[in-house]
Amino acid sequence: MLESFVKELSQEPFWTAFGLVGQFTFAGRFILQWLVSEFKKKSHVPVAFWYLSLVGSMILLAYSIHRSEPIFILGFSLNAVIYIRNLHLIYKHKQTGEVTVTEKDED
């Protein structure tokens, strides 16, 4: 595995670094969610989770397109739609200030 990584890094240093940045960004969202949940002492998904998800997913989508990986292209394309929808719902909710039934039951 290490040999394969070194080979790819030497052949396409930009794309390998770009893919790694995407992977670290995408994985960083879970570290962020874990730390925020520990701080709040309850499970919580911060808004930044969705931004990291979107950015990491878009970077990995670009990397997958470059590598011509149809399975990953499909997966990361769908992810982006879901993350954008979640961000839209969060934005819309902040504008109205409504408390949903689910939020009433949280505490």
C-alpha atoms as a PDB file:
ATOM      1  CA  MET A   1       0.000   0.000   0.000  1.00  0.00           C
ATOM      2  CA  LEU A   2       2.770   2.436   0.905  1.00  0.00           C
ATOM      3  CA  GLU A   3       4.575   1.578  -2.307  1.00  0.00           C
ATOM      4  CA  SER A   4       1.434   2.349  -4.319  1.00  0.00           C
ATOM      5  CA  PHE A   5       0.985   5.665  -2.505  1.00  0.00           C
ATOM      6  CA  VAL A   6       4.603   6.710  -3.129  1.00  0.00           C
ATOM      7  CA  LYS A   7       4.266   5.769  -6.798  1.00  0.00           C
ATOM      8  CA  GLU A   8       1.089   7.845  -7.179  1.00  0.00           C
ATOM      9  CA  LEU A   9       2.639  10.763  -5.294  1.00  0.00           C
ATOM     10  CA  SER A  10       5.659  10.782  -7.586  1.00  0.00           C
ATOM     11  CA  GLN A  11       3.533  10.542 -10.751  1.00  0.00           C
ATOM     12  CA  GLU A  12       0.810  13.052  -9.844  1.00  0.00           C
ATOM     13  CA  PRO A  13       1.887  15.095  -6.829  1.00  0.00           C
ATOM     14  CA  PHE A  14      -0.790  17.794  -7.228  1.00  0.00           C
ATOM     15  CA  TRP A  15      -3.704  15.374  -7.555  1.00  0.00           C
ATOM     16  CA  THR A  16      -2.457  13.136  -4.771  1.00  0.00           C
ATOM     17  CA  ALA A  17      -2.100  16.105  -2.410  1.00  0.00           C
ATOM     18  CA  PHE A  18      -5.484  17.445  -3.550  1.00  0.00           C
ATOM     19  CA  GLY A  19      -7.121  14.076  -2.850  1.00  0.00           C
ATOM     20  CA  LEU A  20      -5.478  13.886   0.573  1.00  0.00           C
ATOM     21  CA  VAL A  21      -6.724  17.376   1.459  1.00  0.00           C
ATOM     22  CA  GLY A  22     -10.222  16.278   0.471  1.00  0.00           C
ATOM     23  CA  GLN A  23      -9.958  13.096   2.505  1.00  0.00           C
ATOM     24  CA  PHE A  24      -8.665  14.922   5.603  1.00  0.00           C
ATOM     25  CA  THR A  25     -11.396  17.559   5.252  1.00  0.00           C
ATOM     26  CA  PHE A  26     -14.061  14.904   4.842  1.00  0.00           C
ATOM     27  CA  ALA A  27     -12.750  12.906   7.819  1.00  0.00           C
ATOM     28  CA  GLY A  28     -12.292  16.063   9.896  1.00  0.00           C
ATOM     29  CA  ARG A  29     -16.037  16.553  10.044  1.00  0.00           C
ATOM     30  CA  PHE A  30     -16.375  13.526  12.314  1.00  0.00           C
ATOM     31  CA  ILE A  31     -13.591  14.722  14.583  1.00  0.00           C
ATOM     32  CA  LEU A  32     -15.332  18.104  14.814  1.00  0.00           C
ATOM     33  CA  GLN A  33     -18.691  16.453  15.582  1.00  0.00           C
ATOM     34  CA  TRP A  34     -17.101  14.254  18.236  1.00  0.00           C
ATOM     35  CA  LEU A  35     -15.347  17.189  19.945  1.00  0.00           C
ATOM     36  CA  VAL A  36     -18.471  19.372  19.939  1.00  0.00           C
ATOM     37  CA  SER A  37     -20.556  16.491  21.314  1.00  0.00           C
ATOM     38  CA  GLU A  38     -18.005  15.913  24.084  1.00  0.00           C
ATOM     39  CA  PHE A  39     -18.041  19.617  24.926  1.00  0.00           C
ATOM     40  CA  LYS A  40     -21.872  19.723  25.035  1.00  0.00           C
ATOM     41  CA  LYS A  41     -22.078  16.336  26.795  1.00  0.00           C
ATOM     42  CA  LYS A  42     -24.682  15.166  24.244  1.00  0.00           C
ATOM     43  CA  SER A  43     -24.741  14.172  20.601  1.00  0.00           C
ATOM     44  CA  HIS A  44     -24.704  17.285  18.431  1.00  0.00           C
ATOM     45  CA  VAL A  45     -24.056  18.000  14.745  1.00  0.00           C
ATOM     46  CA  PRO A  46     -22.705  21.542  14.317  1.00  0.00           C
ATOM     47  CA  VAL A  47     -23.312  23.542  11.135  1.00  0.00           C
ATOM     48  CA  ALA A  48     -19.577  23.381  10.383  1.00  0.00           C
ATOM     49  CA  PHE A  49     -20.004  19.601   9.985  1.00  0.00           C
ATOM     50  CA  TRP A  50     -22.113  20.215   6.878  1.00  0.00           C
ATOM     51  CA  TYR A  51     -19.654  22.739   5.435  1.00  0.00           C
ATOM     52  CA  LEU A  52     -16.725  20.344   5.953  1.00  0.00           C
ATOM     53  CA  SER A  53     -18.829  17.581   4.409  1.00  0.00           C
ATOM     54  CA  LEU A  54     -19.614  19.718   1.373  1.00  0.00           C
ATOM     55  CA  VAL A  55     -16.059  20.987   0.837  1.00  0.00           C
ATOM     56  CA  GLY A  56     -14.478  17.563   1.377  1.00  0.00           C
ATOM     57  CA  SER A  57     -17.057  15.927  -0.870  1.00  0.00           C
ATOM     58  CA  MET A  58     -16.506  18.442  -3.681  1.00  0.00           C
ATOM     59  CA  ILE A  59     -12.730  18.005  -3.507  1.00  0.00           C
ATOM     60  CA  LEU A  60     -13.115  14.228  -3.569  1.00  0.00           C
ATOM     61  CA  LEU A  61     -15.610  14.526  -6.441  1.00  0.00           C
ATOM     62  CA  ALA A  62     -13.056  16.500  -8.470  1.00  0.00           C
ATOM     63  CA  TYR A  63     -10.386  13.933  -7.589  1.00  0.00           C
ATOM     64  CA  SER A  64     -12.718  11.067  -8.590  1.00  0.00           C
ATOM     65  CA  ILE A  65     -13.488  12.753 -11.913  1.00  0.00           C
ATOM     66  CA  HIS A  66      -9.758  13.159 -12.566  1.00  0.00           C
ATOM     67  CA  ARG A  67      -9.217   9.483 -11.759  1.00  0.00           C
ATOM     68  CA  SER A  68     -12.277   8.444 -13.827  1.00  0.00           C
ATOM     69  CA  GLU A  69     -13.799   6.499 -10.937  1.00  0.00           C
ATOM     70  CA  PRO A  70     -17.553   6.232 -11.746  1.00  0.00           C
ATOM     71  CA  ILE A  71     -18.577   4.685  -8.402  1.00  0.00           C
ATOM     72  CA  PHE A  72     -16.977   7.508  -6.403  1.00  0.00           C
ATOM     73  CA  ILE A  73     -18.214  10.154  -8.850  1.00  0.00           C
ATOM     74  CA  LEU A  74     -21.783   8.970  -8.322  1.00  0.00           C
ATOM     75  CA  GLY A  75     -21.385   8.780  -4.551  1.00  0.00           C
ATOM     76  CA  PHE A  76     -19.820  12.182  -4.070  1.00  0.00           C
ATOM     77  CA  SER A  77     -22.272  13.807  -6.498  1.00  0.00           C
ATOM     78  CA  LEU A  78     -25.234  12.616  -4.439  1.00  0.00           C
ATOM     79  CA  ASN A  79     -23.536  13.629  -1.177  1.00  0.00           C
ATOM     80  CA  ALA A  80     -23.206  17.218  -2.363  1.00  0.00           C
ATOM     81  CA  VAL A  81     -26.955  17.464  -3.000  1.00  0.00           C
ATOM     82  CA  ILE A  82     -27.719  16.207   0.517  1.00  0.00           C
ATOM     83  CA  TYR A  83     -25.229  18.561   2.197  1.00  0.00           C
ATOM     84  CA  ILE A  84     -26.502  21.582   0.281  1.00  0.00           C
ATOM     85  CA  ARG A  85     -30.074  20.661   1.217  1.00  0.00           C
ATOM     86  CA  ASN A  86     -29.147  20.388   4.899  1.00  0.00           C
ATOM     87  CA  LEU A  87     -27.407  23.770   4.809  1.00  0.00           C
ATOM     88  CA  HIS A  88     -30.465  25.268   3.106  1.00  0.00           C
ATOM     89  CA  LEU A  89     -32.755  23.839   5.793  1.00  0.00           C
ATOM     90  CA  ILE A  90     -30.501  25.214   8.540  1.00  0.00           C
ATOM     91  CA  TYR A  91     -30.451  28.657   6.887  1.00  0.00           C
ATOM     92  CA  LYS A  92     -34.216  28.618   6.371  1.00  0.00           C
ATOM     93  CA  HIS A  93     -34.807  27.530   9.967  1.00  0.00           C
ATOM     94  CA  LYS A  94     -32.654  30.380  11.310  1.00  0.00           C
ATOM     95  CA  GLN A  95     -34.696  32.856   9.268  1.00  0.00           C
ATOM     96  CA  THR A  96     -38.051  31.688  10.664  1.00  0.00           C
ATOM     97  CA  GLY A  97     -36.941  30.855  14.196  1.00  0.00           C
ATOM     98  CA  GLU A  98     -39.602  28.153  14.451  1.00  0.00           C
ATOM     99  CA  VAL A  99     -39.185  25.367  16.992  1.00  0.00           C
ATOM    100  CA  THR A 100     -40.002  22.049  15.372  1.00  0.00           C
ATOM    101  CA  VAL A 101     -41.621  19.061  17.076  1.00  0.00           C
ATOM    102  CA  THR A 102     -38.293  17.243  16.962  1.00  0.00           C
ATOM    103  CA  GLU A 103     -36.512  20.126  18.680  1.00  0.00           C
ATOM    104  CA  LYS A 104     -39.150  20.267  21.432  1.00  0.00           C
ATOM    105  CA  ASP A 105     -38.447  16.615  22.221  1.00  0.00           C
ATOM    106  CA  GLU A 106     -34.634  16.995  22.244  1.00  0.00           C
ATOM    107  CA  ASP A 107     -34.206  18.311  25.774  1.00  0.00           C
END
